[in-house]
């Protein structure tokens, strides 16, 4: 029982609202306003972290990236854009989405 209590007490649960609020403060933007769109499955937002620090938020609708923005809605560099685009194609579309479409 002690072990279960220890595991339970060390779990950290974050709601969509809590996570988006945290990300909005770190990125100094209005990402929090996307809470309902995410809950309603109209959009998906991923955080891009570099060395455990949130660097970008990536919004995805359907099968395309709608926007990728950094602190204060700044754009991203070409190298980072290339890495994110590669992740989107190789991991998100081919790894997570395609298998469901093939069933």
PDB file of N, CA and C in Angstrom:
ATOM      1  N   UNK A   1       0.812  -1.193   0.000  1.00  0.00           N
ATOM      2  CA  UNK A   1       0.000   0.000   0.000  1.00  0.00           C
ATOM      3  C   UNK A   1       0.860   1.264   0.000  1.00  0.00           C
ATOM      4  N   UNK A   2       1.974   1.230   0.740  1.00  0.00           N
ATOM      5  CA  UNK A   2       2.848   2.399   0.773  1.00  0.00           C
ATOM      6  C   UNK A   2       3.360   2.732  -0.618  1.00  0.00           C
ATOM      7  N   UNK A   3       3.718   1.706  -1.384  1.00  0.00           N
ATOM      8  CA  UNK A   3       4.240   1.952  -2.718  1.00  0.00           C
ATOM      9  C   UNK A   3       3.173   2.600  -3.604  1.00  0.00           C
ATOM     10  N   UNK A   4       1.935   2.123  -3.534  1.00  0.00           N
ATOM     11  CA  UNK A   4       0.861   2.724  -4.318  1.00  0.00           C
ATOM     12  C   UNK A   4       0.619   4.164  -3.904  1.00  0.00           C
ATOM     13  N   UNK A   5       0.645   4.435  -2.604  1.00  0.00           N
ATOM     14  CA  UNK A   5       0.484   5.806  -2.130  1.00  0.00           C
ATOM     15  C   UNK A   5       1.613   6.683  -2.651  1.00  0.00           C
ATOM     16  N   UNK A   6       2.825   6.162  -2.634  1.00  0.00           N
ATOM     17  CA  UNK A   6       3.980   6.916  -3.124  1.00  0.00           C
ATOM     18  C   UNK A   6       3.816   7.234  -4.610  1.00  0.00           C
ATOM     19  N   UNK A   7       3.430   6.242  -5.392  1.00  0.00           N
ATOM     20  CA  UNK A   7       3.239   6.458  -6.833  1.00  0.00           C
ATOM     21  C   UNK A   7       2.132   7.470  -7.059  1.00  0.00           C
ATOM     22  N   UNK A   8       1.011   7.291  -6.374  1.00  0.00           N
ATOM     23  CA  UNK A   8      -0.126   8.199  -6.535  1.00  0.00           C
ATOM     24  C   UNK A   8       0.250   9.630  -6.152  1.00  0.00           C
ATOM     25  N   UNK A   9       0.960   9.797  -5.059  1.00  0.00           N
ATOM     26  CA  UNK A   9       1.318  11.131  -4.582  1.00  0.00           C
ATOM     27  C   UNK A   9       2.352  11.816  -5.464  1.00  0.00           C
ATOM     28  N   UNK A  10       3.081  11.074  -6.267  1.00  0.00           N
ATOM     29  CA  UNK A  10       4.097  11.668  -7.126  1.00  0.00           C
ATOM     30  C   UNK A  10       3.631  11.857  -8.566  1.00  0.00           C
ATOM     31  N   UNK A  11       2.408  11.460  -8.870  1.00  0.00           N
ATOM     32  CA  UNK A  11       1.876  11.685 -10.211  1.00  0.00           C
ATOM     33  C   UNK A  11       1.497  13.150 -10.358  1.00  0.00           C
ATOM     34  N   UNK A  12       1.732  13.660 -11.536  1.00  0.00           N
ATOM     35  CA  UNK A  12       1.362  15.042 -11.790  1.00  0.00           C
ATOM     36  C   UNK A  12       0.400  15.055 -12.970  1.00  0.00           C
ATOM     37  N   UNK A  13      -0.828  15.414 -12.716  1.00  0.00           N
ATOM     38  CA  UNK A  13      -1.842  15.457 -13.759  1.00  0.00           C
ATOM     39  C   UNK A  13      -2.030  16.904 -14.203  1.00  0.00           C
ATOM     40  N   UNK A  14      -2.069  17.107 -15.513  1.00  0.00           N
ATOM     41  CA  UNK A  14      -2.284  18.450 -16.031  1.00  0.00           C
ATOM     42  C   UNK A  14      -3.435  18.407 -17.021  1.00  0.00           C
ATOM     43  N   UNK A  15      -4.389  19.277 -16.824  1.00  0.00           N
ATOM     44  CA  UNK A  15      -5.493  19.372 -17.766  1.00  0.00           C
ATOM     45  C   UNK A  15      -5.030  20.168 -18.984  1.00  0.00           C
ATOM     46  N   UNK A  16      -5.820  20.128 -20.031  1.00  0.00           N
ATOM     47  CA  UNK A  16      -5.503  20.917 -21.224  1.00  0.00           C
ATOM     48  C   UNK A  16      -5.395  22.387 -20.843  1.00  0.00           C
ATOM     49  N   UNK A  17      -6.350  22.867 -20.045  1.00  0.00           N
ATOM     50  CA  UNK A  17      -6.340  24.281 -19.649  1.00  0.00           C
ATOM     51  C   UNK A  17      -5.067  24.628 -18.889  1.00  0.00           C
ATOM     52  N   UNK A  18      -4.682  23.764 -17.958  1.00  0.00           N
ATOM     53  CA  UNK A  18      -3.485  24.019 -17.154  1.00  0.00           C
ATOM     54  C   UNK A  18      -2.240  24.050 -18.040  1.00  0.00           C
ATOM     55  N   UNK A  19      -2.133  23.080 -18.922  1.00  0.00           N
ATOM     56  CA  UNK A  19      -0.968  22.995 -19.795  1.00  0.00           C
ATOM     57  C   UNK A  19      -0.896  24.189 -20.745  1.00  0.00           C
ATOM     58  N   UNK A  20      -2.017  24.549 -21.365  1.00  0.00           N
ATOM     59  CA  UNK A  20      -2.013  25.690 -22.283  1.00  0.00           C
ATOM     60  C   UNK A  20      -1.741  26.995 -21.553  1.00  0.00           C
ATOM     61  N   UNK A  21      -2.242  27.126 -20.341  1.00  0.00           N
ATOM     62  CA  UNK A  21      -1.957  28.320 -19.550  1.00  0.00           C
ATOM     63  C   UNK A  21      -0.461  28.423 -19.272  1.00  0.00           C
ATOM     64  N   UNK A  22       0.129  27.298 -18.911  1.00  0.00           N
ATOM     65  CA  UNK A  22       1.575  27.256 -18.652  1.00  0.00           C
ATOM     66  C   UNK A  22       2.358  27.617 -19.917  1.00  0.00           C
ATOM     67  N   UNK A  23       1.982  27.011 -21.041  1.00  0.00           N
ATOM     68  CA  UNK A  23       2.676  27.289 -22.305  1.00  0.00           C
ATOM     69  C   UNK A  23       2.477  28.744 -22.730  1.00  0.00           C
ATOM     70  N   UNK A  24       1.281  29.292 -22.535  1.00  0.00           N
ATOM     71  CA  UNK A  24       1.013  30.689 -22.908  1.00  0.00           C
ATOM     72  C   UNK A  24       1.908  31.638 -22.122  1.00  0.00           C
ATOM     73  N   UNK A  25       2.105  31.346 -20.845  1.00  0.00           N
ATOM     74  CA  UNK A  25       2.980  32.199 -20.033  1.00  0.00           C
ATOM     75  C   UNK A  25       4.432  32.094 -20.490  1.00  0.00           C
ATOM     76  N   UNK A  26       4.847  30.892 -20.851  1.00  0.00           N
ATOM     77  CA  UNK A  26       6.231  30.705 -21.286  1.00  0.00           C
ATOM     78  C   UNK A  26       6.486  31.305 -22.668  1.00  0.00           C
ATOM     79  N   UNK A  27       5.509  31.203 -23.553  1.00  0.00           N
ATOM     80  CA  UNK A  27       5.688  31.703 -24.921  1.00  0.00           C
ATOM     81  C   UNK A  27       5.148  33.124 -25.106  1.00  0.00           C
ATOM     82  N   UNK A  28       4.527  33.679 -24.083  1.00  0.00           N
ATOM     83  CA  UNK A  28       3.960  35.035 -24.152  1.00  0.00           C
ATOM     84  C   UNK A  28       3.039  35.179 -25.364  1.00  0.00           C
ATOM     85  N   UNK A  29       2.044  34.291 -25.440  1.00  0.00           N
ATOM     86  CA  UNK A  29       1.093  34.363 -26.544  1.00  0.00           C
ATOM     87  C   UNK A  29      -0.304  33.963 -26.066  1.00  0.00           C
ATOM     88  N   UNK A  30      -1.243  33.840 -27.004  1.00  0.00           N
ATOM     89  CA  UNK A  30      -2.646  33.574 -26.654  1.00  0.00           C
ATOM     90  C   UNK A  30      -3.023  32.108 -26.846  1.00  0.00           C
ATOM     91  N   UNK A  31      -2.077  31.214 -26.733  1.00  0.00           N
ATOM     92  CA  UNK A  31      -2.333  29.788 -26.963  1.00  0.00           C
ATOM     93  C   UNK A  31      -3.435  29.249 -26.046  1.00  0.00           C
ATOM     94  N   UNK A  32      -3.630  29.866 -24.899  1.00  0.00           N
ATOM     95  CA  UNK A  32      -4.673  29.434 -23.965  1.00  0.00           C
ATOM     96  C   UNK A  32      -6.059  29.482 -24.609  1.00  0.00           C
ATOM     97  N   UNK A  33      -6.256  30.404 -25.536  1.00  0.00           N
ATOM     98  CA  UNK A  33      -7.570  30.561 -26.178  1.00  0.00           C
ATOM     99  C   UNK A  33      -7.936  29.376 -27.079  1.00  0.00           C
ATOM    100  N   UNK A  34      -7.019  28.444 -27.293  1.00  0.00           N
ATOM    101  CA  UNK A  34      -7.281  27.274 -28.137  1.00  0.00           C
ATOM    102  C   UNK A  34      -7.868  26.101 -27.340  1.00  0.00           C
ATOM    103  N   UNK A  35      -8.101  26.279 -26.061  1.00  0.00           N
ATOM    104  CA  UNK A  35      -8.571  25.189 -25.203  1.00  0.00           C
ATOM    105  C   UNK A  35      -9.815  24.497 -25.754  1.00  0.00           C
ATOM    106  N   UNK A  36     -10.844  25.256 -26.091  1.00  0.00           N
ATOM    107  CA  UNK A  36     -12.089  24.648 -26.580  1.00  0.00           C
ATOM    108  C   UNK A  36     -11.908  23.982 -27.934  1.00  0.00           C
ATOM    109  N   UNK A  37     -11.117  24.582 -28.805  1.00  0.00           N
ATOM    110  CA  UNK A  37     -10.870  23.981 -30.122  1.00  0.00           C
ATOM    111  C   UNK A  37     -10.178  22.629 -29.973  1.00  0.00           C
ATOM    112  N   UNK A  38      -9.293  22.520 -29.001  1.00  0.00           N
ATOM    113  CA  UNK A  38      -8.612  21.248 -28.753  1.00  0.00           C
ATOM    114  C   UNK A  38      -9.602  20.238 -28.166  1.00  0.00           C
ATOM    115  N   UNK A  39     -10.371  20.663 -27.190  1.00  0.00           N
ATOM    116  CA  UNK A  39     -11.365  19.763 -26.588  1.00  0.00           C
ATOM    117  C   UNK A  39     -12.360  19.257 -27.628  1.00  0.00           C
ATOM    118  N   UNK A  40     -12.741  20.133 -28.559  1.00  0.00           N
ATOM    119  CA  UNK A  40     -13.703  19.770 -29.610  1.00  0.00           C
ATOM    120  C   UNK A  40     -13.050  19.054 -30.788  1.00  0.00           C
ATOM    121  N   UNK A  41     -11.742  18.810 -30.670  1.00  0.00           N
ATOM    122  CA  UNK A  41     -10.958  18.105 -31.697  1.00  0.00           C
ATOM    123  C   UNK A  41     -10.930  18.829 -33.046  1.00  0.00           C
ATOM    124  N   UNK A  42     -11.000  20.154 -32.987  1.00  0.00           N
ATOM    125  CA  UNK A  42     -10.895  20.945 -34.215  1.00  0.00           C
ATOM    126  C   UNK A  42      -9.446  21.275 -34.544  1.00  0.00           C
ATOM    127  N   UNK A  43      -8.575  21.160 -33.564  1.00  0.00           N
ATOM    128  CA  UNK A  43      -7.161  21.442 -33.773  1.00  0.00           C
ATOM    129  C   UNK A  43      -6.346  20.656 -32.751  1.00  0.00           C
ATOM    130  N   UNK A  44      -5.063  20.523 -33.037  1.00  0.00           N
ATOM    131  CA  UNK A  44      -4.123  19.856 -32.135  1.00  0.00           C
ATOM    132  C   UNK A  44      -2.929  20.785 -31.977  1.00  0.00           C
ATOM    133  N   UNK A  45      -2.407  20.895 -30.775  1.00  0.00           N
ATOM    134  CA  UNK A  45      -1.221  21.725 -30.551  1.00  0.00           C
ATOM    135  C   UNK A  45      -0.161  20.883 -29.854  1.00  0.00           C
ATOM    136  N   UNK A  46       1.044  20.927 -30.415  1.00  0.00           N
ATOM    137  CA  UNK A  46       2.194  20.230 -29.838  1.00  0.00           C
ATOM    138  C   UNK A  46       3.206  21.266 -29.385  1.00  0.00           C
ATOM    139  N   UNK A  47       3.869  20.977 -28.293  1.00  0.00           N
ATOM    140  CA  UNK A  47       4.969  21.806 -27.839  1.00  0.00           C
ATOM    141  C   UNK A  47       6.275  21.228 -28.343  1.00  0.00           C
ATOM    142  N   UNK A  48       7.162  22.094 -28.791  1.00  0.00           N
ATOM    143  CA  UNK A  48       8.499  21.683 -29.221  1.00  0.00           C
ATOM    144  C   UNK A  48       9.465  22.156 -28.139  1.00  0.00           C
ATOM    145  N   UNK A  49      10.166  21.207 -27.551  1.00  0.00           N
ATOM    146  CA  UNK A  49      11.070  21.505 -26.445  1.00  0.00           C
ATOM    147  C   UNK A  49      12.514  21.281 -26.863  1.00  0.00           C
ATOM    148  N   UNK A  50      13.384  22.167 -26.429  1.00  0.00           N
ATOM    149  CA  UNK A  50      14.821  22.018 -26.629  1.00  0.00           C
ATOM    150  C   UNK A  50      15.443  22.042 -25.236  1.00  0.00           C
ATOM    151  N   UNK A  51      16.101  20.934 -24.889  1.00  0.00           N
ATOM    152  CA  UNK A  51      16.687  20.787 -23.550  1.00  0.00           C
ATOM    153  C   UNK A  51      15.669  21.111 -22.449  1.00  0.00           C
ATOM    154  N   UNK A  52      14.482  20.549 -22.550  1.00  0.00           N
ATOM    155  CA  UNK A  52      13.405  20.686 -21.565  1.00  0.00           C
ATOM    156  C   UNK A  52      12.806  22.090 -21.494  1.00  0.00           C
ATOM    157  N   UNK A  53      13.116  22.941 -22.458  1.00  0.00           N
ATOM    158  CA  UNK A  53      12.559  24.291 -22.491  1.00  0.00           C
ATOM    159  C   UNK A  53      11.638  24.418 -23.695  1.00  0.00           C
ATOM    160  N   UNK A  54      10.413  24.884 -23.450  1.00  0.00           N
ATOM    161  CA  UNK A  54       9.454  25.071 -24.535  1.00  0.00           C
ATOM    162  C   UNK A  54       9.958  26.151 -25.480  1.00  0.00           C
ATOM    163  N   UNK A  55      10.099  25.799 -26.745  1.00  0.00           N
ATOM    164  CA  UNK A  55      10.613  26.742 -27.731  1.00  0.00           C
ATOM    165  C   UNK A  55       9.540  27.175 -28.725  1.00  0.00           C
ATOM    166  N   UNK A  56       8.672  26.243 -29.137  1.00  0.00           N
ATOM    167  CA  UNK A  56       7.637  26.542 -30.124  1.00  0.00           C
ATOM    168  C   UNK A  56       6.344  25.822 -29.788  1.00  0.00           C
ATOM    169  N   UNK A  57       5.252  26.338 -30.330  1.00  0.00           N
ATOM    170  CA  UNK A  57       3.968  25.638 -30.327  1.00  0.00           C
ATOM    171  C   UNK A  57       3.601  25.404 -31.789  1.00  0.00           C
ATOM    172  N   UNK A  58       3.209  24.170 -32.090  1.00  0.00           N
ATOM    173  CA  UNK A  58       2.855  23.786 -33.457  1.00  0.00           C
ATOM    174  C   UNK A  58       1.370  23.449 -33.477  1.00  0.00           C
ATOM    175  N   UNK A  59       0.607  24.169 -34.301  1.00  0.00           N
ATOM    176  CA  UNK A  59      -0.818  23.878 -34.443  1.00  0.00           C
ATOM    177  C   UNK A  59      -1.035  23.051 -35.699  1.00  0.00           C
ATOM    178  N   UNK A  60      -1.776  21.951 -35.537  1.00  0.00           N
ATOM    179  CA  UNK A  60      -2.063  21.040 -36.647  1.00  0.00           C
ATOM    180  C   UNK A  60      -3.576  20.899 -36.780  1.00  0.00           C
ATOM    181  N   UNK A  61      -4.047  21.059 -38.008  1.00  0.00           N
ATOM    182  CA  UNK A  61      -5.460  20.810 -38.327  1.00  0.00           C
ATOM    183  C   UNK A  61      -5.481  19.810 -39.461  1.00  0.00           C
ATOM    184  N   UNK A  62      -6.159  18.709 -39.230  1.00  0.00           N
ATOM    185  CA  UNK A  62      -6.234  17.683 -40.266  1.00  0.00           C
ATOM    186  C   UNK A  62      -4.859  17.129 -40.569  1.00  0.00           C
ATOM    187  N   UNK A  63      -4.443  17.276 -41.806  1.00  0.00           N
ATOM    188  CA  UNK A  63      -3.146  16.724 -42.216  1.00  0.00           C
ATOM    189  C   UNK A  63      -2.144  17.809 -42.596  1.00  0.00           C
ATOM    190  N   UNK A  64      -2.254  18.978 -41.957  1.00  0.00           N
ATOM    191  CA  UNK A  64      -1.271  20.030 -42.246  1.00  0.00           C
ATOM    192  C   UNK A  64      -0.972  20.881 -41.015  1.00  0.00           C
ATOM    193  N   UNK A  65       0.228  21.426 -41.014  1.00  0.00           N
ATOM    194  CA  UNK A  65       0.628  22.359 -39.965  1.00  0.00           C
ATOM    195  C   UNK A  65       0.031  23.715 -40.322  1.00  0.00           C
ATOM    196  N   UNK A  66      -0.739  24.283 -39.411  1.00  0.00           N
ATOM    197  CA  UNK A  66      -1.369  25.579 -39.639  1.00  0.00           C
ATOM    198  C   UNK A  66      -0.414  26.704 -39.262  1.00  0.00           C
ATOM    199  N   UNK A  67       0.252  26.534 -38.115  1.00  0.00           N
ATOM    200  CA  UNK A  67       1.212  27.554 -37.687  1.00  0.00           C
ATOM    201  C   UNK A  67       2.204  26.963 -36.698  1.00  0.00           C
ATOM    202  N   UNK A  68       3.391  27.524 -36.711  1.00  0.00           N
ATOM    203  CA  UNK A  68       4.440  27.185 -35.756  1.00  0.00           C
ATOM    204  C   UNK A  68       5.038  28.502 -35.295  1.00  0.00           C
ATOM    205  N   UNK A  69       4.862  28.800 -34.021  1.00  0.00           N
ATOM    206  CA  UNK A  69       5.304  30.089 -33.509  1.00  0.00           C
ATOM    207  C   UNK A  69       6.104  29.933 -32.231  1.00  0.00           C
ATOM    208  N   UNK A  70       7.019  30.877 -32.034  1.00  0.00           N
ATOM    209  CA  UNK A  70       7.847  30.884 -30.842  1.00  0.00           C
ATOM    210  C   UNK A  70       7.388  31.943 -29.858  1.00  0.00           C
ATOM    211  N   UNK A  71       8.308  32.413 -29.045  1.00  0.00           N
ATOM    212  CA  UNK A  71       8.020  33.419 -28.028  1.00  0.00           C
ATOM    213  C   UNK A  71       7.461  34.677 -28.680  1.00  0.00           C
ATOM    214  N   UNK A  72       6.393  35.196 -28.094  1.00  0.00           N
ATOM    215  CA  UNK A  72       5.713  36.400 -28.590  1.00  0.00           C
ATOM    216  C   UNK A  72       5.311  36.267 -30.056  1.00  0.00           C
ATOM    217  N   UNK A  73       4.906  35.071 -30.450  1.00  0.00           N
ATOM    218  CA  UNK A  73       4.474  34.766 -31.822  1.00  0.00           C
ATOM    219  C   UNK A  73       5.559  34.995 -32.868  1.00  0.00           C
ATOM    220  N   UNK A  74       6.802  34.854 -32.450  1.00  0.00           N
ATOM    221  CA  UNK A  74       7.905  35.010 -33.403  1.00  0.00           C
ATOM    222  C   UNK A  74       7.949  33.808 -34.340  1.00  0.00           C
ATOM    223  N   UNK A  75       8.518  34.035 -35.511  1.00  0.00           N
ATOM    224  CA  UNK A  75       8.675  32.957 -36.477  1.00  0.00           C
ATOM    225  C   UNK A  75       9.780  32.008 -36.045  1.00  0.00           C
ATOM    226  N   UNK A  76      10.010  30.996 -36.854  1.00  0.00           N
ATOM    227  CA  UNK A  76      11.063  30.037 -36.523  1.00  0.00           C
ATOM    228  C   UNK A  76      12.113  30.044 -37.615  1.00  0.00           C
ATOM    229  N   UNK A  77      13.314  29.636 -37.256  1.00  0.00           N
ATOM    230  CA  UNK A  77      14.410  29.583 -38.210  1.00  0.00           C
ATOM    231  C   UNK A  77      14.232  28.458 -39.214  1.00  0.00           C
ATOM    232  N   UNK A  78      14.925  28.564 -40.324  1.00  0.00           N
ATOM    233  CA  UNK A  78      14.813  27.578 -41.404  1.00  0.00           C
ATOM    234  C   UNK A  78      15.212  26.176 -40.940  1.00  0.00           C
ATOM    235  N   UNK A  79      16.249  26.078 -40.142  1.00  0.00           N
ATOM    236  CA  UNK A  79      16.712  24.770 -39.667  1.00  0.00           C
ATOM    237  C   UNK A  79      15.665  24.108 -38.762  1.00  0.00           C
ATOM    238  N   UNK A  80      15.103  24.890 -37.838  1.00  0.00           N
ATOM    239  CA  UNK A  80      14.057  24.353 -36.966  1.00  0.00           C
ATOM    240  C   UNK A  80      12.814  23.988 -37.769  1.00  0.00           C
ATOM    241  N   UNK A  81      12.476  24.797 -38.748  1.00  0.00           N
ATOM    242  CA  UNK A  81      11.322  24.517 -39.613  1.00  0.00           C
ATOM    243  C   UNK A  81      11.513  23.182 -40.328  1.00  0.00           C
ATOM    244  N   UNK A  82      12.711  22.948 -40.810  1.00  0.00           N
ATOM    245  CA  UNK A  82      13.012  21.698 -41.510  1.00  0.00           C
ATOM    246  C   UNK A  82      12.846  20.490 -40.579  1.00  0.00           C
ATOM    247  N   UNK A  83      13.331  20.606 -39.355  1.00  0.00           N
ATOM    248  CA  UNK A  83      13.216  19.511 -38.387  1.00  0.00           C
ATOM    249  C   UNK A  83      11.743  19.249 -38.056  1.00  0.00           C
ATOM    250  N   UNK A  84      10.977  20.299 -37.820  1.00  0.00           N
ATOM    251  CA  UNK A  84       9.555  20.149 -37.494  1.00  0.00           C
ATOM    252  C   UNK A  84       8.787  19.567 -38.676  1.00  0.00           C
ATOM    253  N   UNK A  85       9.077  20.041 -39.884  1.00  0.00           N
ATOM    254  CA  UNK A  85       8.410  19.500 -41.076  1.00  0.00           C
ATOM    255  C   UNK A  85       8.729  18.020 -41.261  1.00  0.00           C
ATOM    256  N   UNK A  86       9.969  17.637 -41.000  1.00  0.00           N
ATOM    257  CA  UNK A  86      10.369  16.234 -41.119  1.00  0.00           C
ATOM    258  C   UNK A  86       9.650  15.380 -40.069  1.00  0.00           C
ATOM    259  N   UNK A  87       9.580  15.880 -38.826  1.00  0.00           N
ATOM    260  CA  UNK A  87       8.839  15.183 -37.773  1.00  0.00           C
ATOM    261  C   UNK A  87       7.374  15.019 -38.175  1.00  0.00           C
ATOM    262  N   UNK A  88       6.791  16.087 -38.694  1.00  0.00           N
ATOM    263  CA  UNK A  88       5.377  16.050 -39.068  1.00  0.00           C
ATOM    264  C   UNK A  88       5.115  14.978 -40.122  1.00  0.00           C
ATOM    265  N   UNK A  89       5.950  14.924 -41.130  1.00  0.00           N
ATOM    266  CA  UNK A  89       5.764  13.948 -42.203  1.00  0.00           C
ATOM    267  C   UNK A  89       6.075  12.528 -41.734  1.00  0.00           C
ATOM    268  N   UNK A  90       7.247  12.331 -41.139  1.00  0.00           N
ATOM    269  CA  UNK A  90       7.703  10.982 -40.784  1.00  0.00           C
ATOM    270  C   UNK A  90       7.006  10.393 -39.560  1.00  0.00           C
ATOM    271  N   UNK A  91       6.779  11.202 -38.554  1.00  0.00           N
ATOM    272  CA  UNK A  91       6.223  10.682 -37.303  1.00  0.00           C
ATOM    273  C   UNK A  91       4.714  10.904 -37.228  1.00  0.00           C
ATOM    274  N   UNK A  92       4.287  12.138 -37.407  1.00  0.00           N
ATOM    275  CA  UNK A  92       2.868  12.448 -37.223  1.00  0.00           C
ATOM    276  C   UNK A  92       2.011  11.817 -38.318  1.00  0.00           C
ATOM    277  N   UNK A  93       2.291  12.133 -39.564  1.00  0.00           N
ATOM    278  CA  UNK A  93       1.453  11.612 -40.648  1.00  0.00           C
ATOM    279  C   UNK A  93       1.673  10.131 -40.906  1.00  0.00           C
ATOM    280  N   UNK A  94       2.907   9.738 -41.118  1.00  0.00           N
ATOM    281  CA  UNK A  94       3.189   8.337 -41.475  1.00  0.00           C
ATOM    282  C   UNK A  94       3.143   7.398 -40.278  1.00  0.00           C
ATOM    283  N   UNK A  95       3.520   7.883 -39.123  1.00  0.00           N
ATOM    284  CA  UNK A  95       3.588   7.012 -37.955  1.00  0.00           C
ATOM    285  C   UNK A  95       2.302   6.935 -37.159  1.00  0.00           C
ATOM    286  N   UNK A  96       1.583   8.050 -37.041  1.00  0.00           N
ATOM    287  CA  UNK A  96       0.405   8.066 -36.192  1.00  0.00           C
ATOM    288  C   UNK A  96      -0.894   8.075 -36.986  1.00  0.00           C
ATOM    289  N   UNK A  97      -0.930   8.770 -38.101  1.00  0.00           N
ATOM    290  CA  UNK A  97      -2.179   8.941 -38.837  1.00  0.00           C
ATOM    291  C   UNK A  97      -2.395   7.854 -39.883  1.00  0.00           C
ATOM    292  N   UNK A  98      -1.399   7.589 -40.725  1.00  0.00           N
ATOM    293  CA  UNK A  98      -1.544   6.614 -41.812  1.00  0.00           C
ATOM    294  C   UNK A  98      -2.033   5.244 -41.354  1.00  0.00           C
ATOM    295  N   UNK A  99      -1.488   4.673 -40.282  1.00  0.00           N
ATOM    296  CA  UNK A  99      -1.954   3.343 -39.873  1.00  0.00           C
ATOM    297  C   UNK A  99      -3.466   3.274 -39.628  1.00  0.00           C
ATOM    298  N   UNK A 100      -4.051   4.354 -39.136  1.00  0.00           N
ATOM    299  CA  UNK A 100      -5.493   4.370 -38.893  1.00  0.00           C
ATOM    300  C   UNK A 100      -6.276   4.476 -40.195  1.00  0.00           C
ATOM    301  N   UNK A 101      -5.696   5.144 -41.182  1.00  0.00           N
ATOM    302  CA  UNK A 101      -6.371   5.300 -42.468  1.00  0.00           C
ATOM    303  C   UNK A 101      -6.351   4.012 -43.271  1.00  0.00           C
ATOM    304  N   UNK A 102      -5.351   3.169 -43.031  1.00  0.00           N
ATOM    305  CA  UNK A 102      -5.207   1.927 -43.789  1.00  0.00           C
ATOM    306  C   UNK A 102      -6.120   0.819 -43.281  1.00  0.00           C
ATOM    307  N   UNK A 103      -6.708   0.977 -42.119  1.00  0.00           N
ATOM    308  CA  UNK A 103      -7.571  -0.073 -41.542  1.00  0.00           C
ATOM    309  C   UNK A 103      -8.912  -0.112 -42.224  1.00  0.00           C
TER     310      UNK A 103
END
